[in-house]
Amino acid sequence: MIDVIFLLLTFFIYSLIFMVRAEVLPIQLIPLAGGQQAVERELRVLTLASSGRMFLNRQPVNYQELGDQLRELAQMPPSGGPRLYLAVEATPGSVDRGPMLVDLIDRVRAAGINDFAIVGPPRESGVLSPESGVQEPD
């Protein structure tokens, strides 16, 4: 009896497969001939190292002459994104860079650059820890 049921089940499964007729219409695909070449933007990066030293486009910059270089940077035409990236190294150092970063932001704004972004490497995990030097908000 069970053999007949499995035989009928197999027959119906195979007959359902052959009953569906899928016909595909041929479509002529047109190759794309347009498009624009990707434009490489010049990134302007002011890096605050873990030692407290500053670099503008990987060149060491003195804190006293930073204002003049930022004013020159403000006169340059924008490159399609933020005019300046403030990069902060994630490695802990012997210098407290918090006040330096706040002062850098003030100097950048005083030079006339209002479109800047502060960037840094991502954290290893989403959890803040006392070892990272960052306190969790209460």
Protein backbone atom coordinates (compact mmCIF):
# COMPACT_ATOMS: atom_id res chain seq x y z
CA MET A 1 0.00 0.00 0.00
CA ILE A 2 2.76 2.44 0.91
CA ASP A 3 4.57 1.57 -2.31
CA VAL A 4 1.57 2.70 -4.35
CA ILE A 5 1.39 6.01 -2.44
CA PHE A 6 5.08 6.74 -3.09
CA LEU A 7 4.65 5.76 -6.72
CA LEU A 8 1.71 8.17 -7.13
CA LEU A 9 3.57 10.92 -5.27
CA THR A 10 6.59 10.49 -7.54
CA PHE A 11 4.36 10.50 -10.61
CA PHE A 12 2.62 13.75 -9.57
CA ILE A 13 5.89 15.49 -8.75
CA TYR A 14 7.40 14.64 -12.13
CA SER A 15 4.21 15.55 -13.97
CA LEU A 16 4.12 18.99 -12.26
CA ILE A 17 7.66 19.68 -13.40
CA PHE A 18 6.79 18.99 -17.03
CA MET A 19 3.46 20.87 -16.90
CA VAL A 20 5.07 24.27 -16.31
CA ARG A 21 6.20 25.79 -19.59
CA ALA A 22 8.40 28.80 -19.15
CA GLU A 23 9.12 30.56 -22.38
CA VAL A 24 11.69 33.30 -22.43
CA LEU A 25 11.47 36.11 -24.92
CA PRO A 26 14.74 37.04 -26.59
CA ILE A 27 15.85 40.57 -25.69
CA GLN A 28 18.48 42.51 -27.55
CA LEU A 29 20.83 44.10 -24.99
CA ILE A 30 22.42 47.35 -26.08
CA PRO A 31 26.00 47.88 -24.88
CA LEU A 32 26.62 51.09 -22.95
CA ALA A 33 28.83 53.51 -24.78
CA GLY A 34 28.62 56.50 -22.42
CA GLY A 35 29.84 57.23 -18.95
CA GLN A 36 32.40 59.40 -17.32
CA GLN A 37 35.80 58.58 -16.04
CA ALA A 38 36.08 58.69 -12.26
CA VAL A 39 37.73 61.91 -11.15
CA GLU A 40 40.43 61.57 -8.57
CA ARG A 41 40.09 64.20 -5.88
CA GLU A 42 43.00 65.69 -4.03
CA LEU A 43 42.49 65.07 -0.34
CA ARG A 44 43.76 67.68 2.05
CA VAL A 45 44.48 66.06 5.40
CA LEU A 46 45.64 67.66 8.63
CA THR A 47 46.88 64.84 10.88
CA LEU A 48 47.26 65.10 14.63
CA ALA A 49 49.73 62.38 15.60
CA SER A 50 49.79 60.56 18.92
CA SER A 51 52.98 62.43 19.83
CA GLY A 52 51.23 65.78 19.36
CA ARG A 53 52.97 66.60 16.07
CA MET A 54 50.91 67.87 13.13
CA PHE A 55 51.19 67.01 9.46
CA LEU A 56 49.47 68.76 6.54
CA ASN A 57 49.29 66.38 3.58
CA ARG A 58 51.97 64.18 5.20
CA GLN A 59 54.38 67.10 5.52
CA PRO A 60 55.34 68.21 9.04
CA VAL A 61 53.85 71.58 9.86
CA ASN A 62 54.81 73.97 12.60
CA TYR A 63 52.03 75.14 14.92
CA GLN A 64 52.93 78.81 14.34
CA GLU A 65 52.79 78.63 10.52
CA LEU A 66 49.62 76.51 10.49
CA GLY A 67 47.34 79.56 10.32
CA ASP A 68 48.97 80.83 7.11
CA GLN A 69 48.75 77.42 5.46
CA LEU A 70 45.09 77.05 6.45
CA ARG A 71 44.28 80.48 4.95
CA GLU A 72 45.97 79.40 1.70
CA LEU A 73 43.91 76.21 1.80
CA ALA A 74 40.72 78.23 2.29
CA GLN A 75 41.46 80.16 -0.93
CA MET A 76 41.75 76.97 -3.01
CA PRO A 77 38.66 75.82 -4.92
CA PRO A 78 36.69 73.00 -3.29
CA SER A 79 37.33 69.49 -4.60
CA GLY A 80 33.80 68.11 -4.34
CA GLY A 81 33.91 66.97 -0.72
CA PRO A 82 35.05 68.39 2.57
CA ARG A 83 37.76 70.95 2.05
CA LEU A 84 39.84 69.49 4.88
CA TYR A 85 39.99 66.21 6.81
CA LEU A 86 41.22 66.34 10.40
CA ALA A 87 42.73 62.91 11.03
CA VAL A 88 43.45 61.83 14.59
CA GLU A 89 45.68 58.83 15.23
CA ALA A 90 44.07 56.24 17.47
CA THR A 91 47.18 55.06 19.26
CA PRO A 92 47.46 56.48 22.77
CA GLY A 93 50.34 58.86 23.26
CA SER A 94 52.02 60.82 25.98
CA VAL A 95 50.28 64.06 24.98
CA ASP A 96 46.67 64.93 25.78
CA ARG A 97 45.38 65.75 22.29
CA GLY A 98 41.85 66.76 23.32
CA PRO A 99 42.65 70.45 23.89
CA MET A 100 44.88 70.43 20.79
CA LEU A 101 42.01 69.09 18.67
CA VAL A 102 39.62 71.75 19.98
CA ASP A 103 42.22 74.43 19.23
CA LEU A 104 42.75 73.00 15.73
CA ILE A 105 39.01 73.14 15.05
CA ASP A 106 38.98 76.79 16.17
CA ARG A 107 41.96 77.59 13.93
CA VAL A 108 40.37 75.85 10.94
CA ARG A 109 37.15 77.80 11.38
CA ALA A 110 39.06 81.06 11.91
CA ALA A 111 40.83 80.47 8.59
CA GLY A 112 37.44 80.37 6.86
CA ILE A 113 37.15 76.61 6.40
CA ASN A 114 33.73 75.46 7.57
CA ASP A 115 33.43 72.29 5.53
CA PHE A 116 35.78 69.86 7.25
CA ALA A 117 35.44 66.34 8.61
CA ILE A 118 37.09 64.72 11.61
CA VAL A 119 38.15 61.17 10.77
CA GLY A 120 39.87 58.33 12.54
CA PRO A 121 40.17 54.57 12.36
CA PRO A 122 37.16 52.49 13.46
CA ARG A 123 37.12 50.97 16.90
CA GLU A 124 37.96 47.31 17.22
CA SER A 125 34.60 46.61 18.84
CA GLY A 126 31.40 48.54 19.37
CA VAL A 127 31.87 48.49 23.14
CA LEU A 128 33.60 51.38 24.86
CA SER A 129 36.06 50.37 27.52
CA PRO A 130 38.10 52.20 30.16
CA GLU A 131 41.27 50.98 28.39
CA SER A 132 40.37 52.98 25.28
CA GLY A 133 40.38 56.20 27.28
CA VAL A 134 36.77 56.95 26.33
CA GLN A 135 34.10 56.97 29.00
CA GLU A 136 30.65 55.55 28.29
CA PRO A 137 27.82 58.09 28.49
CA ASP A 138 25.53 57.69 31.49
